[in-house]
Amino acid sequence: MQFDAVRVDGEEGRRLADWIELLTGGDPGPVVAEANGRRGVYFLVPPGSTTHKAWPRGVTRFNAGPAHVSYVPVPALTGRTWPLSWRCLPTAADRFVHPLLLRSVVRELLV
């Protein structure tokens, strides 16, 4: 499966995940959280959806595609994978966080 990802670190990332969950009725698409280090929160979005778009400071983009290779930590669906965990599990192979909604909420929280 290919996807792009957006990472927001620390409390800002957790606050962003809270808002995205609230706005989507608890089903925002796949979201991964790190428990250590920068405590990043990774929002998995459709391939190609982070390129050629302006994102605020504090956002790290990871792009998919033949010309880009990015490492995005993804936990196993079951079992222990500390320090990674699914904040929101993937529900279908083609289900991602909606990039326009994510960018809108990011702009409200991080600007």
Protein backbone atom coordinates (compact mmCIF):
# COMPACT_ATOMS: atom_id res chain seq x y z
CA MET A 1 0.00 0.00 0.00
CA GLN A 2 1.28 3.46 -0.81
CA PHE A 3 0.38 6.59 1.07
CA ASP A 4 1.72 9.97 2.03
CA ALA A 5 1.97 10.96 5.67
CA VAL A 6 1.93 14.14 7.70
CA ARG A 7 3.69 14.23 11.07
CA VAL A 8 3.03 16.72 13.84
CA ASP A 9 5.13 16.30 16.98
CA GLY A 10 4.26 16.41 20.67
CA GLU A 11 1.14 17.85 22.22
CA GLU A 12 0.23 19.69 19.02
CA GLY A 13 0.03 16.35 17.20
CA ARG A 14 -2.14 14.83 19.91
CA ARG A 15 -4.43 17.86 19.94
CA LEU A 16 -4.70 17.67 16.16
CA ALA A 17 -5.62 13.96 16.38
CA ASP A 18 -8.28 14.77 19.00
CA TRP A 19 -9.86 17.37 16.70
CA ILE A 20 -9.74 15.16 13.62
CA GLU A 21 -11.39 12.33 15.56
CA LEU A 22 -14.08 14.67 16.86
CA LEU A 23 -14.82 16.12 13.43
CA THR A 24 -15.10 12.69 11.80
CA GLY A 25 -17.23 11.01 14.45
CA GLY A 26 -14.32 8.88 15.62
CA ASP A 27 -13.32 7.53 12.19
CA PRO A 28 -10.67 9.88 10.76
CA GLY A 29 -8.65 7.24 8.93
CA PRO A 30 -5.31 5.72 9.98
CA VAL A 31 -3.32 7.66 12.59
CA VAL A 32 -0.09 6.39 14.21
CA ALA A 33 1.37 7.70 17.48
CA GLU A 34 4.92 7.44 18.88
CA ALA A 35 5.32 7.12 22.64
CA ASN A 36 8.93 8.31 22.83
CA GLY A 37 11.37 10.68 21.13
CA ARG A 38 9.60 13.53 19.42
CA ARG A 39 6.25 11.82 20.22
CA GLY A 40 5.17 12.25 16.62
CA VAL A 41 1.64 11.67 15.39
CA TYR A 42 1.48 10.45 11.79
CA PHE A 43 -1.66 11.00 9.71
CA LEU A 44 -1.75 8.66 6.71
CA VAL A 45 -3.21 10.43 3.68
CA PRO A 46 -3.73 9.39 0.03
CA PRO A 47 -0.61 9.12 -2.16
CA GLY A 48 0.33 12.42 -3.78
CA SER A 49 -1.88 14.52 -1.51
CA THR A 50 0.95 16.30 0.34
CA THR A 51 2.93 17.42 -2.70
CA HIS A 52 2.56 20.90 -4.18
CA LYS A 53 0.56 22.06 -1.15
CA ALA A 54 1.50 24.66 1.43
CA TRP A 55 1.62 23.29 4.98
CA PRO A 56 2.30 25.39 8.10
CA ARG A 57 5.51 25.22 10.11
CA GLY A 58 5.53 22.32 12.53
CA VAL A 59 4.35 19.85 9.89
CA THR A 60 6.68 17.26 8.35
CA ARG A 61 5.51 15.72 5.07
CA PHE A 62 6.41 12.26 3.85
CA ASN A 63 5.70 11.69 0.15
CA ALA A 64 5.01 8.44 -1.67
CA GLY A 65 5.68 7.71 -5.31
CA PRO A 66 8.39 6.52 -7.66
CA ALA A 67 10.58 9.62 -7.20
CA HIS A 68 10.34 9.74 -3.40
CA VAL A 69 11.20 7.26 -0.71
CA SER A 70 10.21 8.06 2.86
CA TYR A 71 10.33 6.03 6.03
CA VAL A 72 7.11 6.21 8.02
CA PRO A 73 6.88 4.01 11.12
CA VAL A 74 3.79 1.83 11.02
CA PRO A 75 2.90 -0.51 13.89
CA ALA A 76 1.59 -4.02 13.45
CA LEU A 77 -2.18 -4.34 13.50
CA THR A 78 -1.97 -6.70 16.46
CA GLY A 79 0.62 -7.39 19.10
CA ARG A 80 3.11 -5.18 20.86
CA THR A 81 4.97 -2.65 18.75
CA TRP A 82 6.02 -0.11 21.39
CA PRO A 83 6.85 2.76 20.99
CA LEU A 84 4.36 2.80 18.10
CA SER A 85 0.62 2.38 18.38
CA TRP A 86 -2.45 2.94 16.29
CA ARG A 87 -4.24 6.04 17.52
CA CYS A 88 -6.91 5.21 14.90
CA LEU A 89 -6.79 1.86 13.12
CA PRO A 90 -7.03 1.59 9.35
CA THR A 91 -10.49 0.34 8.40
CA ALA A 92 -9.99 -0.36 4.67
CA ALA A 93 -7.10 -0.42 2.21
CA ASP A 94 -8.32 2.76 0.49
CA ARG A 95 -9.37 4.64 3.66
CA PHE A 96 -7.10 7.56 4.59
CA VAL A 97 -7.25 10.76 6.62
CA HIS A 98 -8.90 13.42 4.46
CA PRO A 99 -6.04 15.77 3.47
CA LEU A 100 -8.19 18.91 3.05
CA LEU A 101 -9.77 18.47 6.48
CA LEU A 102 -6.34 17.77 7.99
CA ARG A 103 -4.78 20.89 6.41
CA SER A 104 -7.69 23.04 7.58
CA VAL A 105 -7.41 21.84 11.18
CA VAL A 106 -3.60 22.12 11.10
CA ARG A 107 -3.88 25.76 10.01
CA GLU A 108 -6.26 26.51 12.89
CA LEU A 109 -4.15 24.79 15.55
CA LEU A 110 -0.58 25.55 14.47
CA VAL A 111 -0.75 29.09 13.12
